[in-house]
Amino acid sequence: MSLAMEQIVDVYVRLKDRYALEKLRTHREKLIANLNGLRSDFNFDSSLSLRSMAEDLAAIDAGFEQLDALARAQTGER
């Protein structure tokens, strides 16, 4: 996954900005849908881009996990 995406997610986690992470995830999902459309409509090889987007989604999901862990720690849950 890209260092840039990791850093963006890290900032959103430090700011506890779940909404920004949700917007980022939605944007990546739309990009994936658009790339899949290009692939089927124009015989376009989008495999590298799709792999990159999947890695971005993994980083974003890790950010959600970190936010959830922070929330549990604040409430004393395990």
N, C-alpha and C. Protein backbone atom coordinates (compact mmCIF):
# COMPACT_ATOMS: atom_id res chain seq x y z
N MET A 1 0.84 -1.18 0.00
CA MET A 1 0.00 0.00 0.00
C MET A 1 0.88 1.23 0.00
N SER A 2 0.33 2.31 -0.44
CA SER A 2 1.16 3.50 -0.60
C SER A 2 1.42 4.18 0.74
N LEU A 3 2.59 4.72 0.84
CA LEU A 3 2.96 5.46 2.04
C LEU A 3 2.03 6.67 2.24
N ALA A 4 1.66 7.29 1.13
CA ALA A 4 0.78 8.46 1.21
C ALA A 4 -0.56 8.09 1.85
N MET A 5 -1.14 6.97 1.43
CA MET A 5 -2.43 6.56 2.01
C MET A 5 -2.27 6.23 3.48
N GLU A 6 -1.20 5.55 3.83
CA GLU A 6 -0.95 5.24 5.23
C GLU A 6 -0.87 6.51 6.07
N GLN A 7 -0.20 7.53 5.54
CA GLN A 7 -0.06 8.78 6.27
C GLN A 7 -1.39 9.52 6.38
N ILE A 8 -2.17 9.49 5.32
CA ILE A 8 -3.49 10.14 5.36
C ILE A 8 -4.36 9.47 6.41
N VAL A 9 -4.39 8.14 6.39
CA VAL A 9 -5.20 7.40 7.36
C VAL A 9 -4.70 7.68 8.77
N ASP A 10 -3.39 7.71 8.96
CA ASP A 10 -2.81 7.99 10.27
C ASP A 10 -3.26 9.34 10.81
N VAL A 11 -3.28 10.34 9.95
CA VAL A 11 -3.72 11.67 10.38
C VAL A 11 -5.19 11.64 10.79
N TYR A 12 -6.03 10.99 9.99
CA TYR A 12 -7.45 10.91 10.33
C TYR A 12 -7.67 10.16 11.64
N VAL A 13 -6.87 9.14 11.88
CA VAL A 13 -6.99 8.40 13.15
C VAL A 13 -6.57 9.29 14.31
N ARG A 14 -5.45 10.00 14.16
CA ARG A 14 -5.00 10.89 15.25
C ARG A 14 -6.01 11.98 15.53
N LEU A 15 -6.71 12.43 14.48
CA LEU A 15 -7.75 13.44 14.65
C LEU A 15 -9.09 12.84 15.08
N LYS A 16 -9.14 11.51 15.10
CA LYS A 16 -10.37 10.77 15.42
C LYS A 16 -11.50 11.18 14.49
N ASP A 17 -11.16 11.30 13.22
CA ASP A 17 -12.11 11.77 12.20
C ASP A 17 -12.67 10.59 11.40
N ARG A 18 -13.63 9.91 11.98
CA ARG A 18 -14.26 8.76 11.34
C ARG A 18 -14.97 9.16 10.05
N TYR A 19 -15.59 10.33 10.05
CA TYR A 19 -16.30 10.80 8.86
C TYR A 19 -15.36 10.94 7.67
N ALA A 20 -14.17 11.48 7.89
CA ALA A 20 -13.20 11.63 6.80
C ALA A 20 -12.77 10.26 6.27
N LEU A 21 -12.60 9.29 7.17
CA LEU A 21 -12.25 7.94 6.73
C LEU A 21 -13.39 7.32 5.92
N GLU A 22 -14.63 7.58 6.34
CA GLU A 22 -15.78 7.05 5.60
C GLU A 22 -15.84 7.66 4.20
N LYS A 23 -15.58 8.97 4.10
CA LYS A 23 -15.58 9.62 2.79
C LYS A 23 -14.47 9.06 1.91
N LEU A 24 -13.31 8.84 2.50
CA LEU A 24 -12.18 8.29 1.75
C LEU A 24 -12.51 6.88 1.25
N ARG A 25 -13.13 6.10 2.10
CA ARG A 25 -13.52 4.74 1.70
C ARG A 25 -14.55 4.77 0.58
N THR A 26 -15.55 5.63 0.70
CA THR A 26 -16.58 5.75 -0.33
C THR A 26 -15.96 6.17 -1.66
N HIS A 27 -15.01 7.10 -1.61
CA HIS A 27 -14.35 7.56 -2.83
C HIS A 27 -13.60 6.42 -3.50
N ARG A 28 -12.86 5.63 -2.71
CA ARG A 28 -12.12 4.50 -3.28
C ARG A 28 -13.08 3.47 -3.88
N GLU A 29 -14.20 3.23 -3.21
CA GLU A 29 -15.18 2.27 -3.73
C GLU A 29 -15.75 2.75 -5.07
N LYS A 30 -15.99 4.05 -5.20
CA LYS A 30 -16.47 4.60 -6.47
C LYS A 30 -15.41 4.46 -7.56
N LEU A 31 -14.16 4.70 -7.20
CA LEU A 31 -13.09 4.53 -8.18
C LEU A 31 -13.01 3.09 -8.66
N ILE A 32 -13.17 2.15 -7.74
CA ILE A 32 -13.14 0.73 -8.11
C ILE A 32 -14.29 0.42 -9.07
N ALA A 33 -15.46 0.93 -8.77
CA ALA A 33 -16.62 0.69 -9.65
C ALA A 33 -16.36 1.29 -11.03
N ASN A 34 -15.80 2.48 -11.08
CA ASN A 34 -15.50 3.12 -12.37
C ASN A 34 -14.45 2.34 -13.14
N LEU A 35 -13.42 1.88 -12.45
CA LEU A 35 -12.38 1.09 -13.12
C LEU A 35 -12.93 -0.23 -13.64
N ASN A 36 -13.81 -0.85 -12.88
CA ASN A 36 -14.42 -2.09 -13.35
C ASN A 36 -15.27 -1.83 -14.59
N GLY A 37 -15.93 -0.68 -14.64
CA GLY A 37 -16.71 -0.32 -15.82
C GLY A 37 -15.83 -0.11 -17.03
N LEU A 38 -14.70 0.54 -16.85
CA LEU A 38 -13.77 0.75 -17.95
C LEU A 38 -13.24 -0.58 -18.48
N ARG A 39 -12.95 -1.45 -17.54
CA ARG A 39 -12.39 -2.75 -17.92
C ARG A 39 -13.37 -3.53 -18.79
N SER A 40 -14.64 -3.49 -18.42
CA SER A 40 -15.61 -4.27 -19.18
C SER A 40 -16.04 -3.56 -20.46
N ASP A 41 -16.06 -2.24 -20.46
CA ASP A 41 -16.53 -1.49 -21.63
C ASP A 41 -15.46 -1.35 -22.71
N PHE A 42 -14.21 -1.22 -22.31
CA PHE A 42 -13.16 -0.89 -23.28
C PHE A 42 -12.00 -1.87 -23.29
N ASN A 43 -12.17 -3.03 -22.65
CA ASN A 43 -11.10 -4.01 -22.58
C ASN A 43 -9.82 -3.36 -22.03
N PHE A 44 -9.99 -2.58 -20.99
CA PHE A 44 -8.93 -1.82 -20.35
C PHE A 44 -8.35 -2.65 -19.20
N ASP A 45 -7.04 -2.79 -19.14
CA ASP A 45 -6.40 -3.54 -18.05
C ASP A 45 -6.22 -2.62 -16.85
N SER A 46 -7.09 -2.78 -15.90
CA SER A 46 -7.05 -1.94 -14.71
C SER A 46 -6.57 -2.72 -13.49
N SER A 47 -5.95 -3.86 -13.71
CA SER A 47 -5.58 -4.72 -12.59
C SER A 47 -4.62 -4.05 -11.60
N LEU A 48 -3.65 -3.32 -12.10
CA LEU A 48 -2.71 -2.64 -11.20
C LEU A 48 -3.42 -1.58 -10.37
N SER A 49 -4.28 -0.81 -11.01
CA SER A 49 -5.03 0.22 -10.29
C SER A 49 -5.97 -0.40 -9.28
N LEU A 50 -6.64 -1.47 -9.67
CA LEU A 50 -7.56 -2.14 -8.75
C LEU A 50 -6.83 -2.72 -7.55
N ARG A 51 -5.65 -3.26 -7.78
CA ARG A 51 -4.84 -3.80 -6.68
C ARG A 51 -4.45 -2.67 -5.73
N SER A 52 -4.08 -1.53 -6.29
CA SER A 52 -3.72 -0.38 -5.47
C SER A 52 -4.91 0.11 -4.64
N MET A 53 -6.09 0.14 -5.27
CA MET A 53 -7.30 0.57 -4.54
C MET A 53 -7.64 -0.42 -3.42
N ALA A 54 -7.44 -1.71 -3.68
CA ALA A 54 -7.70 -2.72 -2.65
C ALA A 54 -6.75 -2.52 -1.47
N GLU A 55 -5.50 -2.19 -1.76
CA GLU A 55 -4.54 -1.90 -0.68
C GLU A 55 -4.93 -0.65 0.09
N ASP A 56 -5.43 0.35 -0.63
CA ASP A 56 -5.90 1.57 0.04
C ASP A 56 -7.06 1.25 0.97
N LEU A 57 -8.00 0.41 0.49
CA LEU A 57 -9.13 0.03 1.34
C LEU A 57 -8.66 -0.73 2.57
N ALA A 58 -7.64 -1.55 2.44
CA ALA A 58 -7.10 -2.27 3.59
C ALA A 58 -6.53 -1.28 4.62
N ALA A 59 -5.85 -0.25 4.14
CA ALA A 59 -5.29 0.77 5.04
C ALA A 59 -6.42 1.53 5.73
N ILE A 60 -7.45 1.84 4.99
CA ILE A 60 -8.59 2.56 5.56
C ILE A 60 -9.29 1.70 6.61
N ASP A 61 -9.49 0.42 6.30
CA ASP A 61 -10.10 -0.49 7.26
C ASP A 61 -9.26 -0.61 8.53
N ALA A 62 -7.95 -0.62 8.37
CA ALA A 62 -7.06 -0.64 9.54
C ALA A 62 -7.25 0.62 10.38
N GLY A 63 -7.48 1.74 9.70
CA GLY A 63 -7.76 2.99 10.42
C GLY A 63 -9.04 2.90 11.22
N PHE A 64 -10.09 2.29 10.64
CA PHE A 64 -11.34 2.10 11.38
C PHE A 64 -11.11 1.22 12.61
N GLU A 65 -10.30 0.18 12.44
CA GLU A 65 -10.00 -0.70 13.58
C GLU A 65 -9.28 0.06 14.68
N GLN A 66 -8.36 0.94 14.30
CA GLN A 66 -7.65 1.74 15.29
C GLN A 66 -8.61 2.68 16.02
N LEU A 67 -9.52 3.30 15.26
CA LEU A 67 -10.50 4.19 15.89
C LEU A 67 -11.40 3.42 16.85
N ASP A 68 -11.82 2.23 16.44
CA ASP A 68 -12.65 1.40 17.32
C ASP A 68 -11.90 1.03 18.59
N ALA A 69 -10.62 0.70 18.46
CA ALA A 69 -9.81 0.34 19.63
C ALA A 69 -9.66 1.55 20.56
N LEU A 70 -9.47 2.72 19.98
CA LEU A 70 -9.38 3.93 20.80
C LEU A 70 -10.68 4.19 21.55
N ALA A 71 -11.79 4.00 20.87
CA ALA A 71 -13.10 4.23 21.50
C ALA A 71 -13.32 3.23 22.63
N ARG A 72 -12.95 1.96 22.41
CA ARG A 72 -13.09 0.96 23.47
C ARG A 72 -12.18 1.29 24.66
N ALA A 73 -10.99 1.76 24.39
CA ALA A 73 -10.05 2.11 25.47
C ALA A 73 -10.59 3.26 26.30
N GLN A 74 -11.24 4.21 25.65
CA GLN A 74 -11.79 5.35 26.37
C GLN A 74 -12.98 4.97 27.23
N THR A 75 -13.73 3.98 26.79
CA THR A 75 -14.90 3.57 27.58
C THR A 75 -14.57 2.43 28.53
N GLY A 76 -13.35 1.92 28.46
CA GLY A 76 -12.93 0.86 29.35
C GLY A 76 -13.37 -0.52 28.90
N GLU A 77 -13.86 -0.64 27.67
CA GLU A 77 -14.28 -1.95 27.14
C GLU A 77 -13.06 -2.68 26.63
N ARG A 78 -13.23 -3.99 26.43
CA ARG A 78 -12.15 -4.80 25.86
C ARG A 78 -12.48 -5.23 24.48
